[in-house]
N, C-alpha and C. Protein backbone atom coordinates (compact mmCIF):
# COMPACT_ATOMS: atom_id res chain seq x y z
N UNK A 1 -7.60 9.98 9.48
CA UNK A 1 -6.55 8.85 9.24
C UNK A 1 -5.84 9.31 8.08
N UNK A 2 -4.38 9.52 8.14
CA UNK A 2 -3.58 9.85 6.85
C UNK A 2 -3.65 8.78 5.73
N UNK A 3 -3.85 9.30 4.68
CA UNK A 3 -3.84 8.59 3.56
C UNK A 3 -2.53 7.70 3.13
N UNK A 4 -2.52 6.84 2.47
CA UNK A 4 -1.27 6.11 2.05
C UNK A 4 -0.23 6.87 1.33
N UNK A 5 -1.00 7.71 0.33
CA UNK A 5 -0.28 8.76 -0.50
C UNK A 5 0.62 9.73 0.54
N UNK A 6 -0.45 10.29 1.42
CA UNK A 6 0.47 11.18 2.48
C UNK A 6 1.43 10.80 3.15
N UNK A 7 1.45 9.43 3.70
CA UNK A 7 2.30 8.59 4.43
C UNK A 7 3.59 8.43 3.68
N UNK A 8 3.33 7.99 2.41
CA UNK A 8 4.43 7.72 1.41
C UNK A 8 5.33 9.06 1.07
N UNK A 9 4.28 10.07 1.13
CA UNK A 9 5.20 11.47 0.73
C UNK A 9 6.06 11.97 1.85
N UNK A 10 5.47 11.85 3.02
CA UNK A 10 6.44 12.04 4.18
C UNK A 10 7.44 11.15 4.53
N UNK A 11 7.45 9.88 4.14
CA UNK A 11 8.47 9.06 4.22
C UNK A 11 9.49 9.55 3.22
N UNK A 12 9.18 9.70 2.04
CA UNK A 12 10.05 10.15 0.87
C UNK A 12 10.98 11.48 1.31
N UNK A 13 10.24 12.27 1.91
CA UNK A 13 10.60 13.49 2.31
C UNK A 13 11.68 13.34 3.51
N UNK A 14 11.29 12.30 4.31
CA UNK A 14 12.21 11.99 5.18
C UNK A 14 13.29 11.39 5.01
N UNK A 15 13.34 10.28 3.98
CA UNK A 15 14.58 9.52 3.42
C UNK A 15 15.36 10.63 2.72
N UNK A 16 14.95 11.51 2.02
CA UNK A 16 15.71 12.92 1.42
C UNK A 16 16.63 13.37 2.41
N UNK A 17 16.02 13.80 3.62
CA UNK A 17 16.55 14.44 4.68
C UNK A 17 17.61 13.67 5.07
N UNK A 18 17.55 12.48 5.39
CA UNK A 18 18.63 11.55 5.90
C UNK A 18 19.85 11.39 4.93
N UNK A 19 19.26 11.29 3.64
CA UNK A 19 20.33 10.92 2.52
C UNK A 19 21.05 12.27 2.45
N UNK A 20 20.68 13.43 2.55
CA UNK A 20 21.38 14.71 2.55
C UNK A 20 22.18 14.86 3.85
N UNK A 21 21.90 14.42 5.06
CA UNK A 21 22.61 14.57 6.12
C UNK A 21 23.93 13.75 5.68
N UNK A 22 23.93 12.58 5.50
CA UNK A 22 24.91 11.78 5.49
C UNK A 22 25.59 11.92 4.25
N UNK A 23 25.27 12.45 3.50
CA UNK A 23 25.91 12.75 2.18
C UNK A 23 27.16 14.04 2.69
N UNK A 24 26.31 14.81 3.36
CA UNK A 24 27.26 15.92 3.84
C UNK A 24 28.39 15.46 4.81
N UNK A 25 27.95 14.19 5.55
CA UNK A 25 29.08 13.86 6.40
C UNK A 25 30.25 13.09 5.73
N UNK A 26 29.82 12.56 4.70
CA UNK A 26 31.01 11.54 3.83
C UNK A 26 31.71 12.60 3.15
N UNK A 27 30.90 13.80 2.55
CA UNK A 27 31.77 14.89 1.81
C UNK A 27 32.82 15.69 2.81
N UNK A 28 32.52 15.90 4.03
CA UNK A 28 33.51 16.55 5.22
C UNK A 28 34.43 15.40 5.63
N UNK A 29 34.06 14.32 5.84
CA UNK A 29 35.15 13.40 6.57
C UNK A 29 35.45 12.07 5.91
N UNK A 30 34.99 12.01 4.60
CA UNK A 30 35.33 10.71 3.83
C UNK A 30 35.02 9.50 4.39
N UNK A 31 35.57 8.48 3.60
CA UNK A 31 35.14 6.95 4.22
C UNK A 31 35.72 6.79 5.68
N UNK A 32 35.51 7.37 6.80
CA UNK A 32 35.88 6.96 7.83
C UNK A 32 34.76 6.99 8.85
N UNK A 33 34.95 6.59 10.25
CA UNK A 33 33.70 6.52 11.11
C UNK A 33 33.17 7.94 11.33
N UNK A 34 33.76 9.11 11.13
CA UNK A 34 33.13 10.37 11.21
C UNK A 34 32.31 10.48 10.27
N UNK A 35 32.70 9.91 8.94
CA UNK A 35 32.12 10.11 7.86
C UNK A 35 30.58 9.65 7.92
N UNK A 36 30.52 8.46 8.81
CA UNK A 36 29.09 7.99 9.06
C UNK A 36 28.40 8.39 10.49
N UNK A 37 28.96 9.36 10.87
CA UNK A 37 28.58 10.23 11.95
C UNK A 37 28.89 9.03 13.27
N UNK A 38 30.09 8.53 13.27
CA UNK A 38 30.33 7.56 14.51
C UNK A 38 31.77 7.96 14.88
N UNK A 39 31.99 7.62 16.39
CA UNK A 39 33.27 8.34 16.78
C UNK A 39 34.46 7.57 16.46
N UNK A 40 34.50 6.37 16.12
CA UNK A 40 35.94 5.76 16.10
C UNK A 40 35.65 4.34 15.54
N UNK A 41 36.74 3.51 15.06
CA UNK A 41 36.52 2.07 14.54
C UNK A 41 36.18 1.27 15.87
N UNK A 42 36.98 0.92 16.78
CA UNK A 42 36.66 0.13 17.92
C UNK A 42 35.20 0.07 18.35
N UNK A 43 34.53 1.35 18.57
CA UNK A 43 33.31 1.10 18.93
C UNK A 43 32.13 0.77 17.75
N UNK A 44 32.56 1.07 16.57
CA UNK A 44 31.92 0.79 15.46
C UNK A 44 31.83 -0.82 15.07
N UNK A 45 33.16 -1.23 15.46
CA UNK A 45 33.19 -2.88 15.12
C UNK A 45 32.68 -3.49 16.43
N UNK A 46 32.54 -2.82 17.51
CA UNK A 46 31.83 -3.38 18.49
C UNK A 46 30.18 -3.77 18.07
N UNK A 47 29.80 -2.65 17.47
CA UNK A 47 28.31 -2.98 17.16
C UNK A 47 28.25 -4.04 16.19
N UNK A 48 29.02 -4.17 15.14
CA UNK A 48 29.23 -5.13 14.17
C UNK A 48 29.26 -6.43 14.85
N UNK A 49 29.98 -6.57 15.85
CA UNK A 49 29.96 -7.92 16.53
C UNK A 49 28.57 -8.43 16.98
N UNK A 50 28.08 -7.59 17.74
CA UNK A 50 26.80 -8.02 18.04
C UNK A 50 25.74 -8.20 16.94
N UNK A 51 25.43 -7.07 16.07
CA UNK A 51 24.78 -7.54 14.87
C UNK A 51 24.83 -8.69 14.17
N UNK A 52 26.28 -8.99 14.28
CA UNK A 52 26.49 -10.31 13.16
C UNK A 52 26.20 -11.60 13.98
N UNK A 53 25.69 -11.49 15.30
CA UNK A 53 25.22 -12.72 15.86
C UNK A 53 24.14 -13.37 15.42
N UNK A 54 23.30 -12.60 14.67
CA UNK A 54 22.27 -13.08 13.95
C UNK A 54 22.43 -14.16 12.82
N UNK A 55 23.96 -14.19 12.51
CA UNK A 55 24.13 -15.01 11.48
C UNK A 55 24.81 -16.11 11.72
N UNK A 56 24.57 -17.26 10.99
CA UNK A 56 25.21 -18.63 11.17
C UNK A 56 26.48 -18.49 10.12
N UNK A 57 27.80 -18.64 10.54
CA UNK A 57 28.93 -18.43 9.67
C UNK A 57 29.54 -19.99 9.43
N UNK A 58 28.66 -20.89 9.61
CA UNK A 58 29.06 -22.28 9.32
C UNK A 58 28.92 -22.72 7.90
N UNK A 59 28.07 -21.81 7.29
CA UNK A 59 27.62 -22.05 6.01
C UNK A 59 27.53 -21.03 5.06
N UNK A 60 27.60 -20.78 3.90
CA UNK A 60 27.61 -19.81 3.14
C UNK A 60 26.04 -19.06 3.21
N UNK A 61 26.25 -17.69 3.25
CA UNK A 61 24.87 -17.10 3.54
C UNK A 61 25.06 -15.91 2.56
N UNK A 62 23.64 -15.41 2.15
CA UNK A 62 23.53 -13.83 1.70
C UNK A 62 23.27 -12.89 2.69
N UNK A 63 23.58 -11.65 2.47
CA UNK A 63 23.44 -10.55 3.49
C UNK A 63 23.08 -9.55 2.96
N UNK A 64 22.11 -8.64 3.40
CA UNK A 64 22.04 -7.33 3.07
C UNK A 64 22.12 -6.38 4.39
N UNK A 65 22.90 -5.39 4.09
CA UNK A 65 23.64 -4.47 5.02
C UNK A 65 22.88 -3.12 4.60
N UNK A 66 21.67 -2.80 5.62
CA UNK A 66 21.06 -1.68 5.26
C UNK A 66 21.54 -0.29 6.06
N UNK A 67 21.73 0.76 5.31
CA UNK A 67 22.54 1.84 5.88
C UNK A 67 23.92 1.57 5.67
N UNK A 68 24.45 1.04 4.75
CA UNK A 68 25.95 0.51 4.66
C UNK A 68 26.80 1.58 4.58
N UNK A 69 26.46 2.94 4.40
CA UNK A 69 27.71 3.84 4.33
C UNK A 69 28.68 3.36 3.42
N UNK A 70 29.98 3.60 3.74
CA UNK A 70 31.07 3.43 2.82
C UNK A 70 31.27 1.95 2.69
N UNK A 71 30.72 0.91 3.53
CA UNK A 71 31.10 -0.36 3.51
C UNK A 71 31.84 -0.91 4.53
N UNK A 72 31.96 -0.03 5.74
CA UNK A 72 32.64 -0.41 6.86
C UNK A 72 32.68 -1.81 7.14
N UNK A 73 31.35 -2.54 7.35
CA UNK A 73 30.79 -3.75 7.70
C UNK A 73 31.64 -4.72 6.81
N UNK A 74 31.60 -4.39 5.41
CA UNK A 74 32.28 -5.48 4.40
C UNK A 74 33.92 -5.46 4.80
N UNK A 75 34.29 -4.42 5.18
CA UNK A 75 35.86 -4.51 5.56
C UNK A 75 35.96 -5.25 6.75
N UNK A 76 35.32 -4.99 7.77
CA UNK A 76 35.17 -5.98 8.93
C UNK A 76 34.96 -7.52 8.87
N UNK A 77 33.96 -7.52 7.92
CA UNK A 77 34.02 -9.06 7.50
C UNK A 77 34.94 -9.82 6.86
N UNK A 78 35.72 -8.92 5.85
CA UNK A 78 37.12 -9.51 5.38
C UNK A 78 38.04 -9.69 6.35
N UNK A 79 38.12 -8.82 7.40
CA UNK A 79 39.13 -8.85 8.37
C UNK A 79 38.87 -9.78 9.56
N UNK A 80 37.48 -10.17 10.08
CA UNK A 80 37.29 -11.22 10.80
C UNK A 80 36.60 -12.57 10.45
N UNK A 81 35.95 -12.39 9.38
CA UNK A 81 35.33 -13.76 8.74
C UNK A 81 35.98 -14.10 7.42
N UNK A 82 37.43 -14.13 7.23
CA UNK A 82 37.87 -13.97 5.82
C UNK A 82 37.47 -15.40 5.35
N UNK A 83 37.25 -16.36 5.91
CA UNK A 83 37.00 -17.75 5.27
C UNK A 83 35.48 -17.94 5.10
N UNK A 84 34.64 -17.11 5.41
CA UNK A 84 33.28 -17.24 5.39
C UNK A 84 32.92 -16.78 3.98
N UNK A 85 32.09 -17.68 3.31
CA UNK A 85 31.37 -17.05 2.09
C UNK A 85 30.12 -16.37 2.27
N UNK A 86 30.38 -15.06 2.00
CA UNK A 86 29.11 -14.25 2.10
C UNK A 86 28.82 -13.47 0.66
N UNK A 87 27.52 -13.54 0.30
CA UNK A 87 26.89 -12.83 -0.83
C UNK A 87 26.47 -11.54 -0.29
N UNK A 88 27.14 -10.36 -0.55
CA UNK A 88 26.76 -9.31 0.27
C UNK A 88 26.14 -8.10 -0.59
N UNK A 89 25.09 -7.45 -0.03
CA UNK A 89 24.62 -6.26 -0.73
C UNK A 89 24.48 -5.16 0.22
N UNK A 90 25.12 -3.85 -0.13
CA UNK A 90 24.98 -2.89 0.76
C UNK A 90 24.15 -1.95 0.17
N UNK A 91 23.43 -1.55 1.14
CA UNK A 91 22.13 -0.49 0.48
C UNK A 91 22.27 0.81 1.40
N UNK A 92 22.11 2.08 0.63
CA UNK A 92 22.09 3.30 1.55
C UNK A 92 21.40 4.19 0.85
N UNK A 93 20.57 5.17 1.63
CA UNK A 93 19.87 6.37 1.00
C UNK A 93 20.95 7.12 0.25
N UNK A 94 22.01 7.47 0.91
CA UNK A 94 22.96 8.36 0.23
C UNK A 94 23.65 7.99 -0.97
N UNK A 95 23.62 8.46 -2.06
CA UNK A 95 24.20 8.03 -3.27
C UNK A 95 25.58 8.30 -3.16
N UNK A 96 25.97 9.44 -2.50
CA UNK A 96 27.47 9.66 -2.32
C UNK A 96 28.07 8.56 -1.31
N UNK A 97 27.60 8.09 -0.28
CA UNK A 97 27.96 6.95 0.26
C UNK A 97 28.24 5.59 -0.63
N UNK A 98 27.34 5.28 -1.49
CA UNK A 98 27.38 4.32 -2.47
C UNK A 98 28.59 4.43 -3.32
N UNK A 99 28.64 5.56 -3.75
CA UNK A 99 29.91 5.99 -4.42
C UNK A 99 31.09 5.52 -4.01
N UNK A 100 31.27 6.07 -2.67
CA UNK A 100 32.57 5.62 -1.95
C UNK A 100 32.70 4.11 -1.70
N UNK A 101 31.52 3.66 -1.34
CA UNK A 101 31.55 2.16 -1.27
C UNK A 101 32.23 1.39 -2.53
N UNK A 102 31.38 1.64 -3.70
CA UNK A 102 31.89 1.00 -4.77
C UNK A 102 33.25 1.43 -5.07
N UNK A 103 33.91 2.47 -4.96
CA UNK A 103 34.99 2.77 -5.21
C UNK A 103 36.22 2.10 -4.25
N UNK A 104 35.75 1.72 -2.93
CA UNK A 104 36.58 0.98 -1.96
C UNK A 104 36.36 -0.57 -2.31
N UNK A 105 34.95 -0.99 -2.61
CA UNK A 105 34.88 -2.48 -2.42
C UNK A 105 34.30 -3.02 -3.72
N UNK A 106 34.13 -2.20 -4.62
CA UNK A 106 33.26 -2.59 -5.63
C UNK A 106 33.57 -3.69 -6.47
N UNK A 107 35.10 -3.96 -6.73
CA UNK A 107 35.80 -5.12 -7.56
C UNK A 107 35.81 -6.23 -6.83
N UNK A 108 35.42 -6.31 -5.43
CA UNK A 108 35.36 -7.71 -4.71
C UNK A 108 34.26 -8.74 -5.20
N UNK A 109 34.70 -10.03 -5.31
CA UNK A 109 33.54 -10.80 -5.58
C UNK A 109 32.45 -10.92 -4.67
N UNK A 110 31.22 -11.36 -5.20
CA UNK A 110 29.92 -11.51 -4.18
C UNK A 110 29.57 -10.26 -3.43
N UNK A 111 29.79 -9.21 -4.16
CA UNK A 111 29.78 -7.74 -3.48
C UNK A 111 28.98 -6.91 -4.48
N UNK A 112 28.06 -6.20 -3.81
CA UNK A 112 27.24 -5.38 -4.80
C UNK A 112 26.52 -4.05 -3.77
N UNK A 113 26.35 -2.83 -4.30
CA UNK A 113 25.86 -1.82 -3.62
C UNK A 113 24.69 -1.12 -4.55
N UNK A 114 23.69 -0.49 -3.63
CA UNK A 114 22.66 0.08 -4.38
C UNK A 114 22.30 1.26 -3.43
N UNK A 115 22.01 2.39 -4.11
CA UNK A 115 21.24 3.39 -3.65
C UNK A 115 19.72 3.10 -3.50
N UNK A 116 19.49 3.08 -2.15
CA UNK A 116 17.98 2.59 -1.97
C UNK A 116 17.52 2.85 -0.50
N UNK A 117 16.33 2.77 -0.13
CA UNK A 117 15.85 2.86 1.22
C UNK A 117 15.74 1.57 2.05
N UNK A 118 15.80 0.48 1.13
CA UNK A 118 15.83 -0.91 1.78
C UNK A 118 16.35 -2.01 0.69
N UNK A 119 16.38 -3.19 1.30
CA UNK A 119 17.07 -4.18 0.43
C UNK A 119 16.01 -4.53 -0.85
N UNK A 120 16.63 -4.59 -1.78
CA UNK A 120 15.88 -5.07 -3.22
C UNK A 120 15.80 -6.41 -3.49
N UNK A 121 16.45 -7.35 -2.67
CA UNK A 121 16.56 -8.91 -2.81
C UNK A 121 16.17 -9.44 -1.52
N UNK A 122 15.83 -10.66 -1.81
CA UNK A 122 15.55 -11.56 -0.57
C UNK A 122 16.98 -12.07 -0.27
N UNK A 123 17.43 -12.13 1.13
CA UNK A 123 18.71 -12.57 1.46
C UNK A 123 18.33 -13.44 2.91
N UNK A 124 19.30 -14.06 3.12
CA UNK A 124 19.29 -14.86 4.43
C UNK A 124 19.35 -14.08 5.62
N UNK A 125 20.00 -12.90 5.56
CA UNK A 125 19.99 -11.92 6.74
C UNK A 125 20.03 -10.67 6.21
N UNK A 126 19.66 -9.87 7.10
CA UNK A 126 19.80 -8.25 6.95
C UNK A 126 20.17 -7.78 8.42
N UNK A 127 21.11 -6.73 8.27
CA UNK A 127 21.67 -6.12 9.46
C UNK A 127 21.54 -4.47 9.22
N UNK A 128 21.35 -3.66 10.02
CA UNK A 128 21.34 -2.30 10.00
C UNK A 128 21.98 -1.77 11.10
N UNK A 129 22.92 -1.15 11.12
CA UNK A 129 23.80 -0.34 12.08
C UNK A 129 23.66 1.03 12.44
N UNK A 130 22.98 1.37 13.47
CA UNK A 130 22.77 2.98 13.77
C UNK A 130 22.02 3.86 12.93
N UNK A 131 20.95 3.25 11.96
CA UNK A 131 20.19 3.94 11.10
C UNK A 131 19.18 4.79 11.85
N UNK A 132 18.67 4.11 12.71
CA UNK A 132 17.54 4.74 13.73
C UNK A 132 18.13 5.87 14.69
N UNK A 133 19.22 6.00 14.75
CA UNK A 133 19.65 6.88 16.25
C UNK A 133 19.61 8.32 15.75
N UNK A 134 19.83 8.90 14.50
CA UNK A 134 19.81 10.46 14.37
C UNK A 134 18.71 10.80 13.72
N UNK A 135 17.62 11.27 14.55
CA UNK A 135 16.27 11.84 13.75
C UNK A 135 16.20 13.01 13.43
N UNK A 136 17.38 13.98 14.05
CA UNK A 136 17.62 15.33 13.72
C UNK A 136 16.27 15.84 14.03
N UNK A 137 15.69 16.81 13.30
CA UNK A 137 14.51 17.56 13.81
C UNK A 137 13.08 16.84 13.50
N UNK A 138 13.28 15.60 13.11
CA UNK A 138 11.98 14.90 12.55
C UNK A 138 11.00 14.65 13.80
N UNK A 139 9.78 14.89 13.72
CA UNK A 139 8.83 14.71 14.91
C UNK A 139 8.94 13.26 15.20
N UNK A 140 8.74 12.99 16.58
CA UNK A 140 8.95 11.71 16.90
C UNK A 140 8.04 10.59 16.04
N UNK A 141 6.65 10.91 15.82
CA UNK A 141 5.58 9.98 15.25
C UNK A 141 6.40 9.77 13.81
N UNK A 142 6.75 10.81 13.10
CA UNK A 142 7.44 10.54 11.67
C UNK A 142 8.53 9.48 11.74
N UNK A 143 9.50 9.77 12.93
CA UNK A 143 10.54 8.90 12.61
C UNK A 143 10.19 7.60 13.36
N UNK A 144 9.13 7.21 14.20
CA UNK A 144 8.82 5.90 14.40
C UNK A 144 8.25 5.38 13.33
N UNK A 145 7.61 6.01 12.40
CA UNK A 145 6.90 5.47 11.22
C UNK A 145 7.88 5.02 10.34
N UNK A 146 8.82 5.85 10.18
CA UNK A 146 10.17 5.45 9.50
C UNK A 146 10.77 3.98 9.94
N UNK A 147 10.91 4.01 11.33
CA UNK A 147 11.70 2.93 11.67
C UNK A 147 10.81 1.75 11.72
N UNK A 148 9.40 1.73 11.92
CA UNK A 148 8.45 0.73 11.62
C UNK A 148 8.45 0.22 10.03
N UNK A 149 8.39 1.12 9.20
CA UNK A 149 8.56 0.82 7.56
C UNK A 149 9.80 0.08 7.60
N UNK A 150 11.10 0.58 8.02
CA UNK A 150 12.31 -0.20 7.77
C UNK A 150 12.32 -1.55 8.29
N UNK A 151 11.83 -1.80 9.41
CA UNK A 151 11.65 -3.10 10.02
C UNK A 151 10.90 -4.15 9.36
N UNK A 152 9.68 -3.53 8.96
CA UNK A 152 9.24 -4.37 8.01
C UNK A 152 9.77 -4.93 6.66
N UNK A 153 10.59 -3.85 6.20
CA UNK A 153 11.02 -4.24 4.89
C UNK A 153 12.06 -5.35 5.11
N UNK A 154 12.92 -5.33 6.34
CA UNK A 154 13.88 -5.94 6.73
C UNK A 154 13.21 -7.41 7.09
N UNK A 155 12.34 -7.58 7.41
CA UNK A 155 11.42 -8.74 7.66
C UNK A 155 11.08 -9.47 6.67
N UNK A 156 10.61 -8.49 5.51
CA UNK A 156 10.23 -9.17 4.48
C UNK A 156 11.34 -9.90 3.56
N UNK A 157 12.36 -9.16 3.74
CA UNK A 157 13.33 -9.58 2.89
C UNK A 157 14.49 -10.24 3.21
N UNK A 158 14.35 -10.94 4.66
CA UNK A 158 15.30 -11.54 5.18
C UNK A 158 14.87 -13.04 5.76
N UNK A 159 15.22 -14.20 5.17
CA UNK A 159 14.72 -15.39 5.31
C UNK A 159 15.04 -15.88 6.69
N UNK A 160 16.19 -15.73 7.23
CA UNK A 160 16.57 -16.43 8.45
C UNK A 160 16.78 -15.50 9.66
N UNK A 161 16.36 -14.20 9.24
CA UNK A 161 16.71 -13.36 10.57
C UNK A 161 17.20 -12.16 10.16
N UNK A 162 17.15 -10.79 11.10
CA UNK A 162 17.68 -9.64 10.85
C UNK A 162 18.12 -9.21 12.23
N UNK A 163 18.98 -8.11 12.26
CA UNK A 163 19.50 -7.53 13.35
C UNK A 163 19.56 -6.14 13.26
N UNK A 164 19.03 -5.04 14.41
CA UNK A 164 19.24 -3.60 14.34
C UNK A 164 19.62 -3.27 15.60
N UNK A 165 19.97 -2.08 16.02
CA UNK A 165 20.19 -1.50 17.23
C UNK A 165 19.70 -0.05 17.33
N UNK A 166 19.78 0.08 18.87
CA UNK A 166 19.02 1.45 19.44
C UNK A 166 19.93 1.89 20.29
N UNK A 167 19.60 3.31 20.60
CA UNK A 167 20.38 3.82 21.70
C UNK A 167 19.23 3.52 22.90
N UNK A 168 19.67 3.12 24.00
CA UNK A 168 19.18 3.11 25.04
C UNK A 168 18.65 4.33 25.72
N UNK A 169 17.44 4.40 26.64
CA UNK A 169 17.14 5.48 27.32
C UNK A 169 18.08 5.94 28.29
N UNK A 170 18.32 7.41 28.41
CA UNK A 170 19.40 7.82 29.38
C UNK A 170 18.85 7.67 30.91
N UNK A 171 19.51 7.77 31.62
CA UNK A 171 19.19 8.05 33.09
C UNK A 171 18.61 9.22 33.52
N UNK A 172 18.02 9.70 34.64
CA UNK A 172 17.46 10.83 34.93
C UNK A 172 18.47 11.90 35.10
N UNK A 173 19.86 11.39 35.41
CA UNK A 173 21.03 12.23 35.60
C UNK A 173 21.85 12.50 34.43
N UNK A 174 21.27 12.20 33.11
CA UNK A 174 22.18 11.96 32.06
C UNK A 174 21.42 13.12 30.93
N UNK A 175 22.17 13.91 30.38
CA UNK A 175 21.39 14.77 29.44
C UNK A 175 21.19 13.93 28.33
N UNK A 176 20.02 14.17 27.73
CA UNK A 176 19.71 13.69 26.46
C UNK A 176 19.92 14.69 25.20
N UNK A 177 19.97 14.28 24.07
CA UNK A 177 20.38 14.92 22.83
C UNK A 177 19.09 14.99 21.94
N UNK A 178 18.51 16.24 21.77
CA UNK A 178 17.19 16.17 21.32
C UNK A 178 17.17 15.36 19.58
N UNK A 179 18.53 15.64 19.07
CA UNK A 179 18.44 15.13 17.82
C UNK A 179 18.65 13.72 17.58
N UNK A 180 18.68 13.00 18.66
CA UNK A 180 19.11 11.47 18.79
C UNK A 180 17.75 10.89 19.21
N UNK A 181 17.46 9.51 18.77
CA UNK A 181 16.49 8.71 19.13
C UNK A 181 16.80 7.71 20.09
N UNK A 182 15.95 7.79 21.30
CA UNK A 182 16.21 6.92 22.23
C UNK A 182 14.93 5.89 22.24
N UNK A 183 15.14 4.65 22.83
CA UNK A 183 13.94 3.57 22.76
C UNK A 183 14.23 2.59 23.74
N UNK A 184 13.20 2.53 24.80
CA UNK A 184 13.34 1.25 25.55
C UNK A 184 13.47 -0.17 24.95
N UNK A 185 14.04 -1.02 25.32
CA UNK A 185 13.99 -2.39 24.44
C UNK A 185 12.81 -3.03 24.43
N UNK A 186 11.74 -3.01 25.17
CA UNK A 186 10.75 -3.65 25.11
C UNK A 186 9.70 -2.96 23.98
N UNK A 187 9.99 -1.68 23.63
CA UNK A 187 9.23 -0.91 22.56
C UNK A 187 9.13 -1.80 21.23
N UNK A 188 10.42 -1.86 20.69
CA UNK A 188 10.64 -2.43 19.34
C UNK A 188 10.76 -4.06 19.54
N UNK A 189 11.16 -4.63 20.69
CA UNK A 189 11.23 -6.19 20.67
C UNK A 189 9.52 -6.44 20.76
N UNK A 190 8.88 -5.90 21.40
CA UNK A 190 7.28 -6.08 21.24
C UNK A 190 6.84 -5.87 20.00
N UNK A 191 7.22 -4.86 19.30
CA UNK A 191 6.59 -4.68 17.71
C UNK A 191 7.10 -5.74 17.12
N UNK A 192 8.26 -6.16 17.01
CA UNK A 192 8.58 -7.34 16.19
C UNK A 192 7.90 -8.68 16.38
N UNK A 193 7.76 -8.97 17.75
CA UNK A 193 7.09 -10.19 18.42
C UNK A 193 5.85 -10.09 17.73
N UNK A 194 4.95 -9.11 18.02
CA UNK A 194 3.54 -9.06 17.54
C UNK A 194 3.21 -8.83 16.27
N UNK A 195 4.13 -7.99 15.43
CA UNK A 195 3.79 -7.66 13.99
C UNK A 195 4.39 -8.90 13.07
N UNK A 196 5.45 -9.48 13.36
CA UNK A 196 6.13 -10.23 12.49
C UNK A 196 5.90 -11.70 13.20
N UNK A 197 5.57 -11.94 14.24
CA UNK A 197 5.30 -13.36 15.16
C UNK A 197 6.80 -13.67 15.12
N UNK A 198 7.89 -13.07 15.44
CA UNK A 198 9.24 -13.58 15.39
C UNK A 198 9.66 -13.59 16.68
N UNK A 199 10.84 -14.41 16.92
CA UNK A 199 11.39 -14.51 18.12
C UNK A 199 12.58 -13.59 18.30
N UNK A 200 12.45 -12.52 19.33
CA UNK A 200 13.33 -11.43 19.48
C UNK A 200 14.20 -11.76 20.69
N UNK A 201 15.66 -11.68 20.28
CA UNK A 201 16.68 -11.44 21.35
C UNK A 201 17.33 -10.15 21.69
N UNK A 202 17.16 -9.77 22.96
CA UNK A 202 18.13 -8.47 23.14
C UNK A 202 19.25 -8.71 23.70
N UNK A 203 20.21 -7.99 22.95
CA UNK A 203 21.62 -7.90 23.36
C UNK A 203 21.86 -6.59 24.28
N UNK A 204 22.42 -6.68 25.26
CA UNK A 204 22.79 -5.24 25.95
C UNK A 204 23.93 -5.55 26.93
N UNK A 205 24.29 -4.60 27.56
CA UNK A 205 25.51 -4.67 28.49
C UNK A 205 26.71 -4.99 27.81
N UNK A 206 27.15 -4.50 26.53
CA UNK A 206 28.31 -4.77 26.02
C UNK A 206 29.26 -3.55 25.80
N UNK A 207 29.19 -2.85 26.93
CA UNK A 207 29.99 -1.43 27.10
C UNK A 207 29.54 -0.16 26.34
N UNK A 208 28.33 -0.24 25.91
CA UNK A 208 27.83 1.08 25.07
C UNK A 208 26.20 1.17 25.53
N UNK A 209 26.12 2.55 25.31
CA UNK A 209 24.59 2.84 25.89
C UNK A 209 23.64 2.55 24.79
N UNK A 210 23.45 1.32 24.54
CA UNK A 210 22.58 0.75 23.44
C UNK A 210 22.21 -0.68 23.57
N UNK A 211 21.48 -1.11 22.65
CA UNK A 211 21.40 -2.68 22.69
C UNK A 211 21.08 -2.91 21.21
N UNK A 212 21.00 -4.22 21.05
CA UNK A 212 20.95 -4.78 19.70
C UNK A 212 19.70 -5.84 19.52
N UNK A 213 18.89 -5.91 18.77
CA UNK A 213 17.81 -6.80 18.61
C UNK A 213 18.14 -7.57 17.47
N UNK A 214 18.25 -9.14 17.93
CA UNK A 214 18.39 -10.24 16.86
C UNK A 214 16.73 -10.69 16.83
N UNK A 215 16.47 -10.67 15.47
CA UNK A 215 15.05 -10.96 15.20
C UNK A 215 14.80 -12.23 14.15
N UNK A 216 14.39 -13.29 14.84
CA UNK A 216 14.28 -14.46 13.99
C UNK A 216 12.95 -14.99 13.74
N UNK A 217 12.56 -15.49 12.61
CA UNK A 217 11.34 -16.18 12.38
C UNK A 217 11.04 -17.38 13.44
N UNK A 218 9.90 -17.52 13.63
CA UNK A 218 9.58 -18.79 14.49
C UNK A 218 9.36 -19.99 13.77
């Protein structure tokens, strides 16, 4: 059995790899969808629509945005939920991403950013858009340990629920990309139900080859 020190060391190395990958993306493409390895604004925002279904916009709430990149979700919130009162914290492994986010949104009220691997405060909700999709050359076991740890941290720091998304498995006739991570919905749905005792809703069929999990306490 791996020791906690060895596991922590492996996760730290994986975090550095992910941070380097996305720091390179933002350096090449700037604060754009391509800068966070996504294709365009409409599909990026379609993800946000699904993830934010975990939130109740009727009353003020706090939100941790894990893997916030340059703050695209914050821009979307200001555009589509202008009247909502949201205490926002954006967290990203890449310090370069956080630099861009602070430059773009750092002066907005109720807004903060941190370079970290997970939320450092307790919030009403947490969301993570696409942070599990690009595993690069990481072994499957190491990547799934990273996912499990991230989900655990989101559960610990989210009072009212959290939302994440995954790429859906491809069909037998569709080429898979080795650097990407695909998982059947029941894998992580069951994990959250059994590990956290949570209620999990699966959102699919919204026009993209992926799905979103809304995870709420029972």
